[in-house]
Amino acid sequence: MTNTTEKYSPEQVLEIFKEQHRLCSSLDPEADPWAEIKAEMTIREWRWARDLLGWKELSEFLNKEFRIEIPENVWYDKLEPAKKRKLIEVCTLIANHAKKDNYQPKKLFGQPCLKASVFLTIKKNLENKGINVSELRPSSSLTEYMDKYFSPVLEEITLTGTKPIDKIEILRIRKKGFWKIFNFLDWENSELLIGDIKTFRDLVEKIIIEKEKNKA
């Protein structure tokens, strides 16, 4: 696969945090769906808006999410004291270390295919996060994978820098609490709704459309 990587900008990282808040805050009763995620908000304000854990657990999560290895002491300096440190500092730190996928068309039956490149990259990234992707195909149900692996799947979608999902809704959810880093849910007796995107093929097509819009 002829996929390459490039750097994020701090502004692009901030947009990822905004999108994650937009999609997930309404799923967590401890989060604030009305909060505005902005560069100059404090880390404490960000954590309250997203219902995030303390600096150590948060730093471990961000390392895993962005596929980076920033030392604990460096994270501490950017996340504490939480009432003084700004979110833009975290965005800048991540931007200095993380790399985003820059999809190049993969040859399929002798023809360049951007869809294949996007799909295979997402599949590879999910596998690297410990997800069993042996049965994952373009025709696979996105909802079923999000039911099982909500956080890593949503991470990989938002890390593309696009906004392919209009809204995420949960029906018939049993209120037994939430994991506080990325709104991990107890999916038993619940139904996940993600709009008109049914399969990974639908997701890939929407990501490509969104990327073309961003170039315009």
N, C-alpha and C. Protein backbone atom coordinates (compact mmCIF):
# COMPACT_ATOMS: atom_id res chain seq x y z
N MET A 1 0.84 -1.19 0.00
CA MET A 1 0.00 0.00 0.00
C MET A 1 0.88 1.24 0.00
N THR A 2 0.63 2.13 -0.91
CA THR A 2 1.48 3.32 -1.04
C THR A 2 0.92 4.46 -0.19
N ASN A 3 0.82 4.19 1.10
CA ASN A 3 0.31 5.20 2.01
C ASN A 3 1.48 5.92 2.67
N THR A 4 1.40 7.22 2.76
CA THR A 4 2.43 8.00 3.41
C THR A 4 1.81 8.76 4.58
N THR A 5 2.65 9.41 5.37
CA THR A 5 2.15 10.18 6.51
C THR A 5 2.67 11.60 6.43
N GLU A 6 1.97 12.50 7.13
CA GLU A 6 2.41 13.88 7.22
C GLU A 6 2.03 14.39 8.60
N LYS A 7 2.55 15.53 8.98
CA LYS A 7 2.32 16.09 10.31
C LYS A 7 0.91 16.69 10.42
N TYR A 8 0.36 16.60 11.63
CA TYR A 8 -0.82 17.39 11.95
C TYR A 8 -0.37 18.81 12.30
N SER A 9 -1.26 19.75 12.15
CA SER A 9 -1.05 21.08 12.71
C SER A 9 -1.80 21.13 14.04
N PRO A 10 -1.43 22.04 14.95
CA PRO A 10 -2.18 22.17 16.21
C PRO A 10 -3.66 22.42 15.96
N GLU A 11 -3.98 23.18 14.92
CA GLU A 11 -5.38 23.47 14.61
C GLU A 11 -6.13 22.21 14.19
N GLN A 12 -5.45 21.32 13.47
CA GLN A 12 -6.09 20.07 13.05
C GLN A 12 -6.35 19.15 14.25
N VAL A 13 -5.42 19.13 15.19
CA VAL A 13 -5.63 18.34 16.41
C VAL A 13 -6.82 18.90 17.19
N LEU A 14 -6.90 20.22 17.28
CA LEU A 14 -8.02 20.85 17.97
C LEU A 14 -9.34 20.47 17.30
N GLU A 15 -9.38 20.44 15.98
CA GLU A 15 -10.60 20.07 15.27
C GLU A 15 -11.00 18.63 15.57
N ILE A 16 -10.01 17.76 15.75
CA ILE A 16 -10.30 16.37 16.13
C ILE A 16 -10.97 16.33 17.49
N PHE A 17 -10.44 17.10 18.45
CA PHE A 17 -11.05 17.15 19.78
C PHE A 17 -12.47 17.72 19.72
N LYS A 18 -12.67 18.71 18.88
CA LYS A 18 -14.00 19.29 18.72
C LYS A 18 -14.99 18.24 18.18
N GLU A 19 -14.55 17.50 17.18
CA GLU A 19 -15.42 16.50 16.57
C GLU A 19 -15.74 15.38 17.55
N GLN A 20 -14.75 14.95 18.32
CA GLN A 20 -14.99 13.90 19.31
C GLN A 20 -15.99 14.37 20.36
N HIS A 21 -15.86 15.63 20.77
CA HIS A 21 -16.82 16.18 21.73
C HIS A 21 -18.21 16.27 21.11
N ARG A 22 -18.30 16.70 19.88
CA ARG A 22 -19.60 16.83 19.20
C ARG A 22 -20.32 15.48 19.13
N LEU A 23 -19.58 14.42 18.82
CA LEU A 23 -20.19 13.12 18.62
C LEU A 23 -20.47 12.39 19.93
N CYS A 24 -19.64 12.62 20.94
CA CYS A 24 -19.70 11.76 22.13
C CYS A 24 -20.27 12.41 23.38
N SER A 25 -20.25 13.73 23.48
CA SER A 25 -20.65 14.36 24.75
C SER A 25 -22.09 14.07 25.12
N SER A 26 -22.96 13.94 24.13
CA SER A 26 -24.37 13.68 24.43
C SER A 26 -24.60 12.26 24.91
N LEU A 27 -23.61 11.38 24.77
CA LEU A 27 -23.74 10.00 25.21
C LEU A 27 -23.38 9.81 26.67
N ASP A 28 -22.72 10.81 27.25
CA ASP A 28 -22.22 10.71 28.61
C ASP A 28 -22.93 11.74 29.49
N PRO A 29 -23.70 11.30 30.48
CA PRO A 29 -24.44 12.24 31.32
C PRO A 29 -23.55 13.14 32.16
N GLU A 30 -22.26 12.79 32.30
CA GLU A 30 -21.34 13.61 33.07
C GLU A 30 -20.62 14.65 32.21
N ALA A 31 -20.74 14.54 30.90
CA ALA A 31 -20.10 15.50 29.99
C ALA A 31 -21.03 16.69 29.75
N ASP A 32 -20.48 17.74 29.14
CA ASP A 32 -21.26 18.94 28.85
C ASP A 32 -21.38 19.11 27.33
N PRO A 33 -22.49 18.70 26.75
CA PRO A 33 -22.64 18.79 25.29
C PRO A 33 -22.71 20.22 24.78
N TRP A 34 -22.93 21.19 25.66
CA TRP A 34 -23.06 22.58 25.26
C TRP A 34 -21.75 23.33 25.36
N ALA A 35 -20.73 22.69 25.90
CA ALA A 35 -19.44 23.36 26.03
C ALA A 35 -18.82 23.60 24.65
N GLU A 36 -18.11 24.70 24.51
CA GLU A 36 -17.40 25.01 23.27
C GLU A 36 -15.94 24.65 23.44
N ILE A 37 -15.48 23.70 22.63
CA ILE A 37 -14.08 23.29 22.70
C ILE A 37 -13.26 24.30 21.91
N LYS A 38 -12.38 25.01 22.60
CA LYS A 38 -11.59 26.05 21.95
C LYS A 38 -10.16 26.04 22.46
N ALA A 39 -9.28 26.65 21.69
CA ALA A 39 -7.84 26.58 21.94
C ALA A 39 -7.46 27.10 23.31
N GLU A 40 -8.08 28.19 23.77
CA GLU A 40 -7.66 28.85 25.00
C GLU A 40 -8.37 28.36 26.24
N MET A 41 -9.21 27.34 26.12
CA MET A 41 -9.84 26.80 27.32
C MET A 41 -8.78 26.06 28.15
N THR A 42 -8.97 26.02 29.45
CA THR A 42 -8.02 25.33 30.31
C THR A 42 -8.21 23.82 30.21
N ILE A 43 -7.21 23.10 30.65
CA ILE A 43 -7.31 21.64 30.65
C ILE A 43 -8.43 21.20 31.57
N ARG A 44 -8.60 21.90 32.68
CA ARG A 44 -9.70 21.55 33.59
C ARG A 44 -11.04 21.74 32.90
N GLU A 45 -11.22 22.82 32.17
CA GLU A 45 -12.47 23.05 31.44
C GLU A 45 -12.69 21.98 30.38
N TRP A 46 -11.62 21.58 29.71
CA TRP A 46 -11.72 20.53 28.69
C TRP A 46 -12.12 19.20 29.32
N ARG A 47 -11.48 18.87 30.44
CA ARG A 47 -11.80 17.61 31.12
C ARG A 47 -13.24 17.60 31.60
N TRP A 48 -13.73 18.73 32.09
CA TRP A 48 -15.13 18.79 32.53
C TRP A 48 -16.07 18.64 31.34
N ALA A 49 -15.73 19.29 30.24
CA ALA A 49 -16.59 19.23 29.05
C ALA A 49 -16.69 17.82 28.50
N ARG A 50 -15.59 17.07 28.58
CA ARG A 50 -15.55 15.73 28.00
C ARG A 50 -15.68 14.61 29.03
N ASP A 51 -15.73 14.96 30.32
CA ASP A 51 -15.77 13.96 31.38
C ASP A 51 -14.54 13.04 31.31
N LEU A 52 -13.37 13.66 31.31
CA LEU A 52 -12.11 12.92 31.19
C LEU A 52 -11.49 12.66 32.56
N LEU A 53 -10.68 11.64 32.62
CA LEU A 53 -9.96 11.30 33.85
C LEU A 53 -8.77 12.24 34.06
N GLY A 54 -8.01 11.96 35.12
CA GLY A 54 -6.87 12.80 35.48
C GLY A 54 -5.73 12.72 34.48
N TRP A 55 -4.70 13.52 34.73
CA TRP A 55 -3.65 13.73 33.74
C TRP A 55 -2.94 12.43 33.35
N LYS A 56 -2.69 11.54 34.29
CA LYS A 56 -1.92 10.33 33.98
C LYS A 56 -2.68 9.40 33.05
N GLU A 57 -3.94 9.11 33.39
CA GLU A 57 -4.75 8.24 32.54
C GLU A 57 -5.01 8.90 31.18
N LEU A 58 -5.22 10.21 31.22
CA LEU A 58 -5.47 10.95 29.97
C LEU A 58 -4.25 10.92 29.07
N SER A 59 -3.07 11.09 29.64
CA SER A 59 -1.84 11.07 28.83
C SER A 59 -1.62 9.70 28.21
N GLU A 60 -1.90 8.65 28.94
CA GLU A 60 -1.76 7.30 28.41
C GLU A 60 -2.73 7.08 27.25
N PHE A 61 -3.95 7.58 27.43
CA PHE A 61 -4.95 7.44 26.38
C PHE A 61 -4.55 8.20 25.12
N LEU A 62 -4.08 9.43 25.27
CA LEU A 62 -3.71 10.24 24.11
C LEU A 62 -2.52 9.64 23.37
N ASN A 63 -1.57 9.08 24.10
CA ASN A 63 -0.45 8.39 23.46
C ASN A 63 -0.97 7.26 22.57
N LYS A 64 -1.89 6.47 23.12
CA LYS A 64 -2.42 5.34 22.36
C LYS A 64 -3.26 5.81 21.18
N GLU A 65 -4.09 6.82 21.42
CA GLU A 65 -4.98 7.30 20.37
C GLU A 65 -4.21 7.83 19.16
N PHE A 66 -3.20 8.66 19.42
CA PHE A 66 -2.46 9.30 18.33
C PHE A 66 -1.22 8.51 17.91
N ARG A 67 -1.04 7.31 18.47
CA ARG A 67 0.08 6.44 18.12
C ARG A 67 1.42 7.16 18.33
N ILE A 68 1.58 7.72 19.53
CA ILE A 68 2.80 8.45 19.88
C ILE A 68 3.35 7.92 21.20
N GLU A 69 4.55 8.35 21.55
CA GLU A 69 5.19 7.90 22.79
C GLU A 69 5.82 9.09 23.52
N ILE A 70 4.98 9.99 23.95
CA ILE A 70 5.46 11.15 24.70
C ILE A 70 5.65 10.75 26.15
N PRO A 71 6.80 11.05 26.74
CA PRO A 71 7.08 10.64 28.13
C PRO A 71 6.09 11.25 29.13
N GLU A 72 5.91 10.55 30.22
CA GLU A 72 4.96 10.96 31.25
C GLU A 72 5.27 12.35 31.81
N ASN A 73 6.54 12.64 32.03
CA ASN A 73 6.91 13.94 32.61
C ASN A 73 6.59 15.09 31.66
N VAL A 74 6.69 14.85 30.34
CA VAL A 74 6.36 15.88 29.36
C VAL A 74 4.85 16.13 29.38
N TRP A 75 4.07 15.06 29.46
CA TRP A 75 2.63 15.21 29.53
C TRP A 75 2.23 15.98 30.79
N TYR A 76 2.86 15.66 31.89
CA TYR A 76 2.51 16.32 33.15
C TYR A 76 2.67 17.84 33.02
N ASP A 77 3.75 18.26 32.38
CA ASP A 77 4.01 19.70 32.23
C ASP A 77 2.96 20.40 31.36
N LYS A 78 2.29 19.64 30.49
CA LYS A 78 1.27 20.23 29.61
C LYS A 78 -0.15 20.09 30.17
N LEU A 79 -0.34 19.15 31.09
CA LEU A 79 -1.68 18.89 31.61
C LEU A 79 -1.90 19.42 33.02
N GLU A 80 -0.83 19.76 33.71
CA GLU A 80 -0.93 20.27 35.07
C GLU A 80 -0.09 21.54 35.23
N PRO A 81 -0.54 22.49 36.08
CA PRO A 81 -1.84 22.50 36.78
C PRO A 81 -2.99 22.70 35.80
N ALA A 82 -4.01 21.88 35.94
CA ALA A 82 -5.10 21.84 34.96
C ALA A 82 -5.85 23.16 34.86
N LYS A 83 -5.86 23.96 35.92
CA LYS A 83 -6.61 25.21 35.87
C LYS A 83 -5.83 26.33 35.19
N LYS A 84 -4.56 26.06 34.84
CA LYS A 84 -3.74 27.07 34.18
C LYS A 84 -3.32 26.67 32.77
N ARG A 85 -3.06 25.39 32.56
CA ARG A 85 -2.62 24.93 31.25
C ARG A 85 -3.76 25.03 30.24
N LYS A 86 -3.41 25.32 28.99
CA LYS A 86 -4.39 25.54 27.93
C LYS A 86 -4.43 24.34 26.98
N LEU A 87 -5.59 24.14 26.39
CA LEU A 87 -5.76 23.03 25.46
C LEU A 87 -4.84 23.16 24.24
N ILE A 88 -4.59 24.38 23.80
CA ILE A 88 -3.72 24.57 22.63
C ILE A 88 -2.32 24.03 22.89
N GLU A 89 -1.87 24.03 24.15
CA GLU A 89 -0.57 23.47 24.47
C GLU A 89 -0.54 21.97 24.21
N VAL A 90 -1.62 21.31 24.54
CA VAL A 90 -1.74 19.87 24.28
C VAL A 90 -1.79 19.61 22.78
N CYS A 91 -2.56 20.43 22.08
CA CYS A 91 -2.66 20.28 20.62
C CYS A 91 -1.30 20.45 19.95
N THR A 92 -0.55 21.42 20.41
CA THR A 92 0.78 21.67 19.84
C THR A 92 1.74 20.53 20.14
N LEU A 93 1.68 20.00 21.35
CA LEU A 93 2.54 18.88 21.72
C LEU A 93 2.24 17.67 20.83
N ILE A 94 0.97 17.35 20.68
CA ILE A 94 0.59 16.22 19.83
C ILE A 94 1.01 16.45 18.39
N ALA A 95 0.80 17.66 17.90
CA ALA A 95 1.15 17.98 16.51
C ALA A 95 2.64 17.83 16.25
N ASN A 96 3.45 18.05 17.27
CA ASN A 96 4.91 17.92 17.12
C ASN A 96 5.37 16.47 17.06
N HIS A 97 4.48 15.53 17.43
CA HIS A 97 4.89 14.12 17.49
C HIS A 97 4.05 13.21 16.59
N ALA A 98 2.77 13.51 16.45
CA ALA A 98 1.88 12.60 15.73
C ALA A 98 1.96 12.81 14.23
N LYS A 99 1.64 11.75 13.50
CA LYS A 99 1.58 11.81 12.05
C LYS A 99 0.22 11.31 11.58
N LYS A 100 -0.33 11.99 10.59
CA LYS A 100 -1.62 11.57 10.04
C LYS A 100 -1.39 10.86 8.71
N ASP A 101 -2.33 9.99 8.40
CA ASP A 101 -2.24 9.25 7.14
C ASP A 101 -2.58 10.15 5.97
N ASN A 102 -1.75 10.09 4.95
CA ASN A 102 -1.98 10.83 3.72
C ASN A 102 -2.16 9.80 2.62
N TYR A 103 -3.41 9.51 2.30
CA TYR A 103 -3.73 8.37 1.45
C TYR A 103 -3.32 8.58 0.00
N GLN A 104 -2.62 7.58 -0.52
CA GLN A 104 -2.25 7.56 -1.93
C GLN A 104 -2.95 6.37 -2.58
N PRO A 105 -3.52 6.55 -3.77
CA PRO A 105 -4.28 5.45 -4.40
C PRO A 105 -3.46 4.17 -4.53
N LYS A 106 -4.10 3.07 -4.15
CA LYS A 106 -3.48 1.75 -4.28
C LYS A 106 -3.97 1.10 -5.57
N LYS A 107 -3.08 0.41 -6.26
CA LYS A 107 -3.48 -0.24 -7.50
C LYS A 107 -4.36 -1.45 -7.20
N LEU A 108 -5.51 -1.48 -7.85
CA LEU A 108 -6.44 -2.57 -7.71
C LEU A 108 -6.87 -2.99 -9.10
N PHE A 109 -6.54 -4.22 -9.45
CA PHE A 109 -6.78 -4.72 -10.81
C PHE A 109 -6.13 -3.80 -11.84
N GLY A 110 -4.95 -3.31 -11.50
CA GLY A 110 -4.18 -2.49 -12.41
C GLY A 110 -4.57 -1.03 -12.47
N GLN A 111 -5.59 -0.66 -11.69
CA GLN A 111 -6.06 0.72 -11.69
C GLN A 111 -5.89 1.35 -10.31
N PRO A 112 -5.52 2.63 -10.24
CA PRO A 112 -5.38 3.29 -8.94
C PRO A 112 -6.73 3.40 -8.24
N CYS A 113 -6.77 3.07 -6.95
CA CYS A 113 -8.03 3.07 -6.21
C CYS A 113 -7.80 3.71 -4.84
N LEU A 114 -8.30 4.91 -4.67
CA LEU A 114 -8.16 5.63 -3.41
C LEU A 114 -8.99 4.98 -2.32
N LYS A 115 -10.16 4.44 -2.67
CA LYS A 115 -11.02 3.79 -1.69
C LYS A 115 -10.30 2.63 -1.02
N ALA A 116 -9.57 1.85 -1.81
CA ALA A 116 -8.84 0.71 -1.26
C ALA A 116 -7.78 1.18 -0.27
N SER A 117 -7.10 2.27 -0.60
CA SER A 117 -6.06 2.80 0.27
C SER A 117 -6.63 3.25 1.61
N VAL A 118 -7.75 3.99 1.57
CA VAL A 118 -8.37 4.48 2.81
C VAL A 118 -8.84 3.30 3.66
N PHE A 119 -9.53 2.35 3.04
CA PHE A 119 -10.04 1.20 3.79
C PHE A 119 -8.92 0.40 4.42
N LEU A 120 -7.89 0.08 3.66
CA LEU A 120 -6.80 -0.75 4.18
C LEU A 120 -6.01 -0.04 5.26
N THR A 121 -5.91 1.28 5.17
CA THR A 121 -5.22 2.03 6.21
C THR A 121 -6.00 1.99 7.52
N ILE A 122 -7.31 2.21 7.44
CA ILE A 122 -8.14 2.12 8.63
C ILE A 122 -8.07 0.72 9.23
N LYS A 123 -8.13 -0.28 8.38
CA LYS A 123 -8.07 -1.66 8.84
C LYS A 123 -6.74 -1.94 9.54
N LYS A 124 -5.65 -1.47 8.97
CA LYS A 124 -4.33 -1.66 9.57
C LYS A 124 -4.23 -0.96 10.92
N ASN A 125 -4.73 0.26 11.00
CA ASN A 125 -4.67 1.02 12.25
C ASN A 125 -5.50 0.37 13.35
N LEU A 126 -6.66 -0.18 12.99
CA LEU A 126 -7.48 -0.87 13.97
C LEU A 126 -6.78 -2.13 14.47
N GLU A 127 -6.15 -2.84 13.56
CA GLU A 127 -5.41 -4.04 13.95
C GLU A 127 -4.28 -3.69 14.90
N ASN A 128 -3.59 -2.59 14.64
CA ASN A 128 -2.49 -2.15 15.51
C ASN A 128 -2.98 -1.76 16.90
N LYS A 129 -4.29 -1.46 17.00
CA LYS A 129 -4.86 -1.14 18.31
C LYS A 129 -5.47 -2.36 18.98
N GLY A 130 -5.20 -3.53 18.44
CA GLY A 130 -5.63 -4.76 19.07
C GLY A 130 -6.99 -5.27 18.64
N ILE A 131 -7.56 -4.69 17.58
CA ILE A 131 -8.87 -5.13 17.10
C ILE A 131 -8.72 -6.30 16.13
N ASN A 132 -9.57 -7.29 16.29
CA ASN A 132 -9.57 -8.43 15.38
C ASN A 132 -10.23 -8.00 14.07
N VAL A 133 -9.44 -7.86 13.02
CA VAL A 133 -9.97 -7.39 11.73
C VAL A 133 -9.92 -8.49 10.67
N SER A 134 -9.78 -9.73 11.10
CA SER A 134 -9.66 -10.83 10.13
C SER A 134 -10.90 -10.96 9.25
N GLU A 135 -12.06 -10.56 9.77
CA GLU A 135 -13.30 -10.66 9.00
C GLU A 135 -13.76 -9.30 8.46
N LEU A 136 -12.96 -8.26 8.66
CA LEU A 136 -13.38 -6.92 8.25
C LEU A 136 -13.28 -6.77 6.73
N ARG A 137 -14.37 -6.39 6.12
CA ARG A 137 -14.45 -6.17 4.68
C ARG A 137 -15.11 -4.80 4.44
N PRO A 138 -14.99 -4.27 3.22
CA PRO A 138 -15.70 -3.02 2.92
C PRO A 138 -17.20 -3.12 3.16
N SER A 139 -17.75 -4.31 2.99
CA SER A 139 -19.19 -4.52 3.17
C SER A 139 -19.57 -4.75 4.63
N SER A 140 -18.59 -4.82 5.53
CA SER A 140 -18.88 -5.08 6.95
C SER A 140 -19.68 -3.93 7.55
N SER A 141 -20.54 -4.26 8.49
CA SER A 141 -21.37 -3.26 9.15
C SER A 141 -20.53 -2.38 10.08
N LEU A 142 -20.58 -1.08 9.87
CA LEU A 142 -19.86 -0.15 10.75
C LEU A 142 -20.48 -0.17 12.14
N THR A 143 -21.79 -0.26 12.21
CA THR A 143 -22.47 -0.28 13.51
C THR A 143 -22.03 -1.46 14.35
N GLU A 144 -21.89 -2.63 13.74
CA GLU A 144 -21.49 -3.81 14.50
C GLU A 144 -20.09 -3.65 15.08
N TYR A 145 -19.18 -3.07 14.31
CA TYR A 145 -17.82 -2.87 14.83
C TYR A 145 -17.80 -1.79 15.90
N MET A 146 -18.63 -0.77 15.77
CA MET A 146 -18.68 0.26 16.80
C MET A 146 -19.34 -0.26 18.07
N ASP A 147 -20.28 -1.20 17.91
CA ASP A 147 -20.87 -1.85 19.09
C ASP A 147 -19.79 -2.54 19.92
N LYS A 148 -18.86 -3.20 19.23
CA LYS A 148 -17.82 -3.97 19.92
C LYS A 148 -16.61 -3.13 20.30
N TYR A 149 -16.26 -2.18 19.45
CA TYR A 149 -15.00 -1.44 19.63
C TYR A 149 -15.25 0.07 19.43
N PHE A 150 -16.13 0.61 20.22
CA PHE A 150 -16.57 1.99 19.99
C PHE A 150 -15.42 2.98 19.95
N SER A 151 -14.61 2.98 21.00
CA SER A 151 -13.57 4.01 21.09
C SER A 151 -12.54 3.93 19.97
N PRO A 152 -11.87 2.77 19.74
CA PRO A 152 -10.86 2.74 18.69
C PRO A 152 -11.41 3.01 17.29
N VAL A 153 -12.63 2.56 17.00
CA VAL A 153 -13.19 2.82 15.67
C VAL A 153 -13.46 4.31 15.51
N LEU A 154 -14.05 4.93 16.53
CA LEU A 154 -14.34 6.35 16.43
C LEU A 154 -13.05 7.17 16.39
N GLU A 155 -12.03 6.73 17.12
CA GLU A 155 -10.74 7.41 17.06
C GLU A 155 -10.22 7.45 15.63
N GLU A 156 -10.22 6.30 14.98
CA GLU A 156 -9.66 6.23 13.63
C GLU A 156 -10.48 7.05 12.64
N ILE A 157 -11.77 7.14 12.86
CA ILE A 157 -12.60 7.98 11.98
C ILE A 157 -12.23 9.44 12.16
N THR A 158 -12.15 9.90 13.39
CA THR A 158 -11.87 11.32 13.64
C THR A 158 -10.43 11.67 13.31
N LEU A 159 -9.51 10.73 13.42
CA LEU A 159 -8.11 11.00 13.10
C LEU A 159 -7.91 11.26 11.60
N THR A 160 -8.88 10.93 10.79
CA THR A 160 -8.77 11.24 9.36
C THR A 160 -8.91 12.75 9.12
N GLY A 161 -9.37 13.48 10.14
CA GLY A 161 -9.55 14.91 9.97
C GLY A 161 -10.82 15.27 9.22
N THR A 162 -11.72 14.30 9.07
CA THR A 162 -12.99 14.53 8.37
C THR A 162 -14.15 14.35 9.34
N LYS A 163 -15.36 14.67 8.87
CA LYS A 163 -16.56 14.57 9.70
C LYS A 163 -17.64 13.79 8.95
N PRO A 164 -17.40 12.50 8.74
CA PRO A 164 -18.35 11.71 7.94
C PRO A 164 -19.63 11.33 8.66
N ILE A 165 -19.63 11.37 10.01
CA ILE A 165 -20.80 10.95 10.78
C ILE A 165 -21.56 12.19 11.25
N ASP A 166 -22.83 12.24 10.91
CA ASP A 166 -23.66 13.39 11.31
C ASP A 166 -23.97 13.39 12.79
N LYS A 167 -24.32 12.21 13.31
CA LYS A 167 -24.73 12.12 14.71
C LYS A 167 -24.63 10.68 15.18
N ILE A 168 -24.34 10.49 16.48
CA ILE A 168 -24.38 9.17 17.09
C ILE A 168 -25.46 9.21 18.17
N GLU A 169 -26.35 8.23 18.12
CA GLU A 169 -27.41 8.15 19.12
C GLU A 169 -27.47 6.75 19.70
N ILE A 170 -27.86 6.68 20.96
CA ILE A 170 -28.01 5.40 21.63
C ILE A 170 -29.46 5.26 22.08
N LEU A 171 -30.08 4.15 21.72
CA LEU A 171 -31.45 3.86 22.13
C LEU A 171 -31.47 2.67 23.09
N ARG A 172 -32.40 2.70 24.02
CA ARG A 172 -32.60 1.62 24.99
C ARG A 172 -31.33 1.32 25.76
N ILE A 173 -30.62 2.34 26.17
CA ILE A 173 -29.38 2.10 26.90
C ILE A 173 -29.65 1.84 28.36
N ARG A 174 -29.01 0.87 28.93
CA ARG A 174 -29.09 0.60 30.35
C ARG A 174 -28.10 1.50 31.06
N LYS A 175 -28.56 2.31 31.98
CA LYS A 175 -27.70 3.30 32.63
C LYS A 175 -26.90 2.65 33.76
N LYS A 176 -25.74 2.13 33.41
CA LYS A 176 -24.88 1.46 34.39
C LYS A 176 -23.53 2.15 34.50
N GLY A 177 -23.42 3.35 33.97
CA GLY A 177 -22.16 4.08 34.12
C GLY A 177 -21.35 4.11 32.85
N PHE A 178 -20.38 4.97 32.83
CA PHE A 178 -19.53 5.18 31.67
C PHE A 178 -18.08 5.12 32.07
N TRP A 179 -17.27 4.59 31.20
CA TRP A 179 -15.82 4.74 31.33
C TRP A 179 -15.50 6.17 30.98
N LYS A 180 -14.66 6.84 31.75
CA LYS A 180 -14.58 8.29 31.66
C LYS A 180 -13.58 8.84 30.67
N ILE A 181 -12.88 8.03 29.92
CA ILE A 181 -11.91 8.62 29.00
C ILE A 181 -12.56 8.90 27.66
N PHE A 182 -13.21 7.92 27.06
CA PHE A 182 -13.76 8.18 25.72
C PHE A 182 -15.19 7.67 25.62
N ASN A 183 -15.94 7.82 26.72
CA ASN A 183 -17.34 7.46 26.71
C ASN A 183 -17.59 6.00 26.33
N PHE A 184 -16.78 5.09 26.93
CA PHE A 184 -17.04 3.68 26.70
C PHE A 184 -18.40 3.35 27.29
N LEU A 185 -19.23 2.64 26.53
CA LEU A 185 -20.60 2.40 26.95
C LEU A 185 -20.86 0.93 27.22
N ASP A 186 -21.82 0.67 28.08
CA ASP A 186 -22.33 -0.68 28.23
C ASP A 186 -23.41 -0.87 27.18
N TRP A 187 -23.09 -1.65 26.12
CA TRP A 187 -24.00 -1.74 24.98
C TRP A 187 -25.14 -2.73 25.18
N GLU A 188 -25.15 -3.44 26.32
CA GLU A 188 -26.20 -4.43 26.54
C GLU A 188 -27.56 -3.74 26.58
N ASN A 189 -28.52 -4.31 25.90
CA ASN A 189 -29.87 -3.76 25.82
C ASN A 189 -29.88 -2.34 25.25
N SER A 190 -29.03 -2.08 24.30
CA SER A 190 -29.01 -0.76 23.67
C SER A 190 -28.85 -0.92 22.17
N GLU A 191 -29.13 0.16 21.47
CA GLU A 191 -29.01 0.16 20.01
C GLU A 191 -28.26 1.41 19.58
N LEU A 192 -27.26 1.23 18.72
CA LEU A 192 -26.43 2.32 18.24
C LEU A 192 -26.94 2.79 16.88
N LEU A 193 -27.12 4.10 16.75
CA LEU A 193 -27.57 4.68 15.49
C LEU A 193 -26.54 5.69 15.02
N ILE A 194 -26.10 5.56 13.75
CA ILE A 194 -25.09 6.48 13.22
C ILE A 194 -25.49 7.05 11.86
N GLY A 195 -26.76 7.23 11.66
CA GLY A 195 -27.23 7.87 10.44
C GLY A 195 -27.20 6.96 9.22
N ASP A 196 -26.86 7.54 8.06
CA ASP A 196 -26.98 6.80 6.81
C ASP A 196 -25.73 6.01 6.44
N ILE A 197 -24.72 6.00 7.27
CA ILE A 197 -23.51 5.21 6.99
C ILE A 197 -23.71 3.82 7.57
N LYS A 198 -23.87 2.85 6.71
CA LYS A 198 -24.17 1.49 7.14
C LYS A 198 -22.93 0.58 7.15
N THR A 199 -22.06 0.76 6.17
CA THR A 199 -20.91 -0.13 6.02
C THR A 199 -19.61 0.65 6.01
N PHE A 200 -18.50 -0.06 6.07
CA PHE A 200 -17.20 0.58 5.96
C PHE A 200 -17.02 1.18 4.56
N ARG A 201 -17.65 0.60 3.57
CA ARG A 201 -17.60 1.18 2.22
C ARG A 201 -18.25 2.57 2.22
N ASP A 202 -19.41 2.66 2.89
CA ASP A 202 -20.08 3.97 3.01
C ASP A 202 -19.18 4.96 3.73
N LEU A 203 -18.53 4.50 4.79
CA LEU A 203 -17.64 5.36 5.57
C LEU A 203 -16.49 5.88 4.72
N VAL A 204 -15.84 4.98 3.99
CA VAL A 204 -14.71 5.35 3.16
C VAL A 204 -15.12 6.38 2.11
N GLU A 205 -16.25 6.15 1.47
CA GLU A 205 -16.72 7.08 0.44
C GLU A 205 -16.98 8.46 1.03
N LYS A 206 -17.56 8.51 2.23
CA LYS A 206 -17.84 9.79 2.87
C LYS A 206 -16.55 10.49 3.27
N ILE A 207 -15.57 9.74 3.76
CA ILE A 207 -14.27 10.32 4.13
C ILE A 207 -13.61 10.97 2.91
N ILE A 208 -13.64 10.28 1.78
CA ILE A 208 -13.04 10.80 0.56
C ILE A 208 -13.76 12.07 0.11
N ILE A 209 -15.08 12.08 0.18
CA ILE A 209 -15.85 13.27 -0.17
C ILE A 209 -15.48 14.44 0.73
N GLU A 210 -15.38 14.16 2.03
CA GLU A 210 -15.02 15.19 2.99
C GLU A 210 -13.63 15.75 2.73
N LYS A 211 -12.70 14.86 2.40
CA LYS A 211 -11.34 15.32 2.12
C LYS A 211 -11.30 16.20 0.88
N GLU A 212 -12.08 15.87 -0.12
CA GLU A 212 -12.12 16.70 -1.32
C GLU A 212 -12.71 18.07 -1.01
N LYS A 213 -13.70 18.12 -0.14
CA LYS A 213 -14.27 19.40 0.29
C LYS A 213 -13.22 20.25 0.98
N ASN A 214 -12.41 19.60 1.84
CA ASN A 214 -11.39 20.34 2.58
C ASN A 214 -10.32 20.93 1.67
N LYS A 215 -10.10 20.28 0.51
CA LYS A 215 -9.10 20.78 -0.44
C LYS A 215 -9.62 21.98 -1.21
N ALA A 216 -10.93 22.04 -1.38
CA ALA A 216 -11.54 23.10 -2.20
C ALA A 216 -11.40 24.48 -1.56
